[in-house]
Every structure is written in structure tokens, then in C-alpha cells.
N, C-alpha and C. Protein backbone atom coordinates (compact mmCIF):
# COMPACT_ATOMS: atom_id res chain seq x y z
N UNK A 1 0.85 -1.18 0.00
CA UNK A 1 0.00 0.00 0.00
C UNK A 1 0.90 1.25 0.00
N UNK A 2 0.65 2.19 -0.89
CA UNK A 2 1.50 3.39 -0.95
C UNK A 2 1.49 4.18 0.36
N UNK A 3 2.62 4.78 0.63
CA UNK A 3 2.80 5.60 1.82
C UNK A 3 3.11 7.02 1.36
N UNK A 4 2.55 8.01 2.06
CA UNK A 4 2.87 9.40 1.76
C UNK A 4 4.09 9.81 2.57
N UNK A 5 5.07 10.36 1.88
CA UNK A 5 6.32 10.83 2.50
C UNK A 5 6.55 12.26 2.05
N UNK A 6 7.39 12.97 2.78
CA UNK A 6 7.79 14.30 2.35
C UNK A 6 9.15 14.14 1.69
N UNK A 7 9.19 14.33 0.38
CA UNK A 7 10.40 14.10 -0.40
C UNK A 7 11.12 15.41 -0.70
N UNK A 8 12.40 15.41 -0.38
CA UNK A 8 13.28 16.50 -0.75
C UNK A 8 14.19 15.99 -1.86
N UNK A 9 14.17 16.70 -2.98
CA UNK A 9 15.01 16.33 -4.12
C UNK A 9 15.89 17.54 -4.46
N UNK A 10 17.19 17.32 -4.44
CA UNK A 10 18.15 18.36 -4.79
C UNK A 10 18.86 17.91 -6.06
N UNK A 11 18.77 18.73 -7.09
CA UNK A 11 19.43 18.44 -8.36
C UNK A 11 20.49 19.52 -8.60
N UNK A 12 21.70 19.08 -8.89
CA UNK A 12 22.79 20.01 -9.16
C UNK A 12 23.32 19.73 -10.57
N UNK A 13 23.51 20.81 -11.32
CA UNK A 13 23.96 20.68 -12.71
C UNK A 13 25.18 21.57 -12.93
N UNK A 14 26.20 21.00 -13.54
CA UNK A 14 27.40 21.77 -13.84
C UNK A 14 27.71 21.69 -15.33
N UNK A 15 28.24 22.78 -15.84
CA UNK A 15 28.65 22.80 -17.24
C UNK A 15 30.16 22.57 -17.38
N UNK A 16 30.91 22.93 -16.36
CA UNK A 16 32.36 22.81 -16.39
C UNK A 16 32.75 21.48 -15.73
N UNK A 17 33.19 20.54 -16.54
CA UNK A 17 33.52 19.21 -16.03
C UNK A 17 34.78 19.18 -15.18
N UNK A 18 35.54 20.27 -15.18
CA UNK A 18 36.72 20.32 -14.32
C UNK A 18 36.34 20.63 -12.87
N UNK A 19 35.11 21.08 -12.65
CA UNK A 19 34.63 21.39 -11.30
C UNK A 19 34.07 20.12 -10.67
N UNK A 20 34.24 20.01 -9.37
CA UNK A 20 33.73 18.84 -8.63
C UNK A 20 32.44 19.18 -7.92
N UNK A 21 31.58 18.19 -7.79
CA UNK A 21 30.40 18.36 -6.96
C UNK A 21 30.83 18.38 -5.49
N UNK A 22 30.04 19.04 -4.69
CA UNK A 22 30.27 19.11 -3.25
C UNK A 22 30.08 17.71 -2.67
N UNK A 23 30.99 17.32 -1.81
CA UNK A 23 30.86 16.02 -1.13
C UNK A 23 30.21 16.27 0.23
N UNK A 24 29.30 15.41 0.57
CA UNK A 24 28.56 15.55 1.83
C UNK A 24 29.53 15.60 3.01
N UNK A 25 29.09 16.25 4.06
CA UNK A 25 29.92 16.37 5.26
C UNK A 25 29.66 15.22 6.22
N UNK A 26 30.60 15.00 7.11
CA UNK A 26 30.43 13.97 8.15
C UNK A 26 29.22 14.29 9.02
N UNK A 27 29.02 15.57 9.31
CA UNK A 27 27.88 15.98 10.14
C UNK A 27 26.55 15.62 9.51
N UNK A 28 26.42 15.87 8.21
CA UNK A 28 25.18 15.51 7.51
C UNK A 28 25.01 14.00 7.48
N UNK A 29 26.07 13.29 7.16
CA UNK A 29 25.99 11.83 7.06
C UNK A 29 25.65 11.19 8.41
N UNK A 30 26.24 11.70 9.49
CA UNK A 30 25.94 11.16 10.83
C UNK A 30 24.50 11.45 11.23
N UNK A 31 24.03 12.68 10.97
CA UNK A 31 22.65 13.03 11.31
C UNK A 31 21.67 12.20 10.48
N UNK A 32 21.97 12.03 9.21
CA UNK A 32 21.11 11.25 8.33
C UNK A 32 21.01 9.80 8.83
N UNK A 33 22.14 9.20 9.16
CA UNK A 33 22.16 7.82 9.64
C UNK A 33 21.38 7.69 10.95
N UNK A 34 21.57 8.65 11.85
CA UNK A 34 20.87 8.65 13.13
C UNK A 34 19.36 8.75 12.92
N UNK A 35 18.93 9.68 12.08
CA UNK A 35 17.50 9.87 11.85
C UNK A 35 16.90 8.69 11.08
N UNK A 36 17.70 8.06 10.22
CA UNK A 36 17.20 6.89 9.51
C UNK A 36 17.01 5.73 10.50
N UNK A 37 17.93 5.58 11.44
CA UNK A 37 17.79 4.50 12.43
C UNK A 37 16.60 4.74 13.36
N UNK A 38 16.21 6.01 13.53
CA UNK A 38 15.05 6.36 14.35
C UNK A 38 13.73 6.29 13.57
N UNK A 39 13.81 6.05 12.25
CA UNK A 39 12.61 5.98 11.42
C UNK A 39 12.08 7.33 10.98
N UNK A 40 12.84 8.39 11.17
CA UNK A 40 12.41 9.72 10.76
C UNK A 40 12.73 9.98 9.29
N UNK A 41 13.82 9.40 8.82
CA UNK A 41 14.16 9.39 7.40
C UNK A 41 13.94 7.97 6.92
N UNK A 42 13.11 7.82 5.90
CA UNK A 42 12.77 6.50 5.40
C UNK A 42 13.75 6.01 4.34
N UNK A 43 14.27 6.92 3.57
CA UNK A 43 15.21 6.54 2.52
C UNK A 43 15.99 7.72 2.03
N UNK A 44 17.19 7.43 1.52
CA UNK A 44 18.08 8.47 1.04
C UNK A 44 18.97 7.86 -0.03
N UNK A 45 19.09 8.53 -1.15
CA UNK A 45 20.04 8.06 -2.15
C UNK A 45 20.46 9.19 -3.07
N UNK A 46 21.62 9.02 -3.64
CA UNK A 46 22.15 9.99 -4.58
C UNK A 46 22.68 9.28 -5.80
N UNK A 47 22.57 9.96 -6.94
CA UNK A 47 23.07 9.40 -8.19
C UNK A 47 23.69 10.51 -9.03
N UNK A 48 24.65 10.11 -9.84
CA UNK A 48 25.23 11.00 -10.83
C UNK A 48 24.76 10.55 -12.20
N UNK A 49 24.60 11.51 -13.10
CA UNK A 49 24.24 11.16 -14.47
C UNK A 49 25.43 10.45 -15.13
N UNK A 50 25.13 9.75 -16.19
CA UNK A 50 26.18 9.02 -16.90
C UNK A 50 27.28 9.96 -17.38
N UNK A 51 26.89 11.16 -17.79
CA UNK A 51 27.88 12.14 -18.29
C UNK A 51 28.58 12.87 -17.15
N UNK A 52 28.14 12.65 -15.91
CA UNK A 52 28.70 13.26 -14.70
C UNK A 52 28.54 14.78 -14.65
N UNK A 53 27.52 15.30 -15.34
CA UNK A 53 27.27 16.74 -15.23
C UNK A 53 26.08 17.04 -14.32
N UNK A 54 25.44 16.00 -13.81
CA UNK A 54 24.28 16.19 -12.94
C UNK A 54 24.33 15.21 -11.78
N UNK A 55 24.01 15.74 -10.59
CA UNK A 55 23.92 14.90 -9.39
C UNK A 55 22.55 15.15 -8.76
N UNK A 56 21.89 14.08 -8.34
CA UNK A 56 20.57 14.17 -7.72
C UNK A 56 20.61 13.45 -6.38
N UNK A 57 20.13 14.14 -5.35
CA UNK A 57 19.93 13.53 -4.03
C UNK A 57 18.44 13.52 -3.74
N UNK A 58 17.96 12.40 -3.24
CA UNK A 58 16.56 12.30 -2.81
C UNK A 58 16.54 11.79 -1.38
N UNK A 59 15.80 12.49 -0.53
CA UNK A 59 15.65 12.09 0.86
C UNK A 59 14.17 12.10 1.21
N UNK A 60 13.68 10.97 1.71
CA UNK A 60 12.28 10.84 2.08
C UNK A 60 12.13 10.87 3.59
N UNK A 61 11.44 11.90 4.07
CA UNK A 61 11.16 12.07 5.50
C UNK A 61 9.75 11.59 5.80
N UNK A 62 9.47 11.30 7.06
CA UNK A 62 8.12 10.85 7.41
C UNK A 62 7.09 11.95 7.21
N UNK A 63 7.51 13.21 7.33
CA UNK A 63 6.60 14.33 7.09
C UNK A 63 7.40 15.62 6.97
N UNK A 64 6.73 16.70 6.60
CA UNK A 64 7.41 17.97 6.39
C UNK A 64 7.99 18.54 7.68
N UNK A 65 7.28 18.39 8.79
CA UNK A 65 7.80 18.90 10.06
C UNK A 65 9.13 18.24 10.42
N UNK A 66 9.24 16.94 10.17
CA UNK A 66 10.48 16.22 10.44
C UNK A 66 11.60 16.74 9.56
N UNK A 67 11.31 17.02 8.30
CA UNK A 67 12.30 17.60 7.39
C UNK A 67 12.77 18.94 7.91
N UNK A 68 11.84 19.77 8.38
CA UNK A 68 12.19 21.09 8.89
C UNK A 68 13.09 20.99 10.12
N UNK A 69 12.80 20.04 11.00
CA UNK A 69 13.63 19.84 12.19
C UNK A 69 15.03 19.35 11.82
N UNK A 70 15.11 18.48 10.82
CA UNK A 70 16.40 17.97 10.36
C UNK A 70 17.26 19.11 9.81
N UNK A 71 16.65 19.97 9.06
CA UNK A 71 17.38 21.05 8.37
C UNK A 71 18.03 22.03 9.35
N UNK A 72 17.50 22.17 10.54
CA UNK A 72 18.08 23.14 11.49
C UNK A 72 19.07 22.52 12.47
N UNK A 73 19.35 21.23 12.34
CA UNK A 73 20.44 20.64 13.12
C UNK A 73 21.71 21.40 12.73
N UNK A 74 22.47 21.91 13.69
CA UNK A 74 23.62 22.75 13.34
C UNK A 74 24.57 22.14 12.31
N UNK A 75 24.88 20.84 12.43
CA UNK A 75 25.80 20.20 11.49
C UNK A 75 25.20 20.10 10.09
N UNK A 76 23.90 19.89 10.03
CA UNK A 76 23.22 19.82 8.73
C UNK A 76 23.15 21.22 8.12
N UNK A 77 22.78 22.20 8.93
CA UNK A 77 22.68 23.57 8.44
C UNK A 77 24.03 24.06 7.91
N UNK A 78 25.09 23.85 8.65
CA UNK A 78 26.40 24.32 8.19
C UNK A 78 26.84 23.57 6.94
N UNK A 79 26.53 22.28 6.85
CA UNK A 79 26.86 21.51 5.66
C UNK A 79 26.10 22.01 4.44
N UNK A 80 24.83 22.33 4.61
CA UNK A 80 24.02 22.84 3.50
C UNK A 80 24.50 24.23 3.09
N UNK A 81 24.90 25.03 4.05
CA UNK A 81 25.45 26.35 3.71
C UNK A 81 26.75 26.19 2.91
N UNK A 82 27.58 25.25 3.31
CA UNK A 82 28.83 24.99 2.58
C UNK A 82 28.54 24.51 1.17
N UNK A 83 27.52 23.67 1.01
CA UNK A 83 27.12 23.21 -0.32
C UNK A 83 26.74 24.38 -1.21
N UNK A 84 25.92 25.29 -0.68
CA UNK A 84 25.46 26.44 -1.46
C UNK A 84 26.63 27.35 -1.85
N UNK A 85 27.57 27.57 -0.95
CA UNK A 85 28.74 28.39 -1.26
C UNK A 85 29.58 27.71 -2.34
N UNK A 86 29.82 26.41 -2.15
CA UNK A 86 30.59 25.65 -3.14
C UNK A 86 29.94 25.74 -4.52
N UNK A 87 28.64 25.50 -4.57
CA UNK A 87 27.95 25.52 -5.86
C UNK A 87 27.99 26.91 -6.49
N UNK A 88 27.80 27.92 -5.69
CA UNK A 88 27.84 29.29 -6.20
C UNK A 88 29.24 29.62 -6.75
N UNK A 89 30.27 29.27 -6.00
CA UNK A 89 31.64 29.55 -6.42
C UNK A 89 32.06 28.78 -7.67
N UNK A 90 31.39 27.66 -7.94
CA UNK A 90 31.76 26.80 -9.07
C UNK A 90 30.73 26.79 -10.19
N UNK A 91 29.81 27.75 -10.14
CA UNK A 91 28.76 27.86 -11.17
C UNK A 91 27.99 26.56 -11.38
N UNK A 92 27.68 25.91 -10.26
CA UNK A 92 26.84 24.71 -10.28
C UNK A 92 25.44 25.15 -9.90
N UNK A 93 24.49 24.90 -10.79
CA UNK A 93 23.11 25.33 -10.58
C UNK A 93 22.42 24.30 -9.70
N UNK A 94 21.71 24.78 -8.69
CA UNK A 94 21.03 23.89 -7.73
C UNK A 94 19.53 24.11 -7.81
N UNK A 95 18.79 23.01 -7.96
CA UNK A 95 17.33 23.04 -7.99
C UNK A 95 16.81 22.23 -6.81
N UNK A 96 15.78 22.76 -6.16
CA UNK A 96 15.14 22.07 -5.05
C UNK A 96 13.70 21.75 -5.42
N UNK A 97 13.27 20.55 -5.07
CA UNK A 97 11.88 20.17 -5.24
C UNK A 97 11.48 19.45 -3.96
N UNK A 98 10.52 20.02 -3.24
CA UNK A 98 10.08 19.42 -1.99
C UNK A 98 8.56 19.32 -2.01
N UNK A 99 8.07 18.10 -1.76
CA UNK A 99 6.63 17.90 -1.78
C UNK A 99 6.27 16.55 -1.18
N UNK A 100 5.00 16.42 -0.82
CA UNK A 100 4.48 15.14 -0.38
C UNK A 100 4.30 14.27 -1.62
N UNK A 101 4.75 13.03 -1.54
CA UNK A 101 4.58 12.08 -2.63
C UNK A 101 4.11 10.76 -2.06
N UNK A 102 3.38 10.02 -2.87
CA UNK A 102 2.99 8.66 -2.50
C UNK A 102 3.98 7.70 -3.14
N UNK A 103 4.46 6.77 -2.34
CA UNK A 103 5.43 5.80 -2.83
C UNK A 103 5.18 4.44 -2.20
N UNK A 104 5.52 3.41 -2.94
CA UNK A 104 5.45 2.03 -2.43
C UNK A 104 6.82 1.55 -2.01
N UNK A 105 7.81 2.45 -2.02
CA UNK A 105 9.19 2.08 -1.71
C UNK A 105 9.37 1.52 -0.31
N UNK A 106 8.49 1.82 0.60
CA UNK A 106 8.71 1.45 2.00
C UNK A 106 7.66 0.48 2.54
N UNK A 107 7.07 -0.27 1.64
CA UNK A 107 6.07 -1.29 2.07
C UNK A 107 6.75 -2.46 2.72
């Protein structure tokens, strides 16, 4: 039976292949693992396009309030700020899509 989750999707696109995508921080990874073990984050994955000019991260939270609480964890907030600075400095365009979605991924 499908479950409604609050999905955060971050898509980053670069035109200059000599530039690197931002690598996640230890603080974000530790918080993500902790919240996943608590059942607050249901799933998380990232992929690069075959041409390596696009990276997509998808994180499914149990609800929007949980996502909002996650985002203000100091280690997560500083990591996201670092991502935005890195992307801005390297002309990497960042798109955000956040919405409730129904998925059967967690049945």
C-alpha cells in the first residue's frame, strides 16, 4: 500500500567538467544515519548522471515537520550552507523540489 512521504530532491547541474560536486559532510551523514535509524528518514540516495554533469539527491522524510527539524540541526545547516557556497563559487546550478509524494518504496 502506498505511503505518503515528504520528499526533498536536490538536483545540481554543472557545465564545467573540471569542477567537482560538493561532497557531503560527516555531520550531515551522521545526522542522516541517526534519523534513519530512528525511522524519521525512510530513505536516502544519490546518483550522478552518466555524463557526470548532474547529481541528484533524494531524501524521504516521514513528514514535512520532520524535514524542517532535520534542516536546522547545526551540522546539517552548516553543511548545507557549505554546499550552497561551493555551488555558487563553481557555477553549479542547484534546484530544489520538496513535496508530499505517495510511494510504495517502504512497504
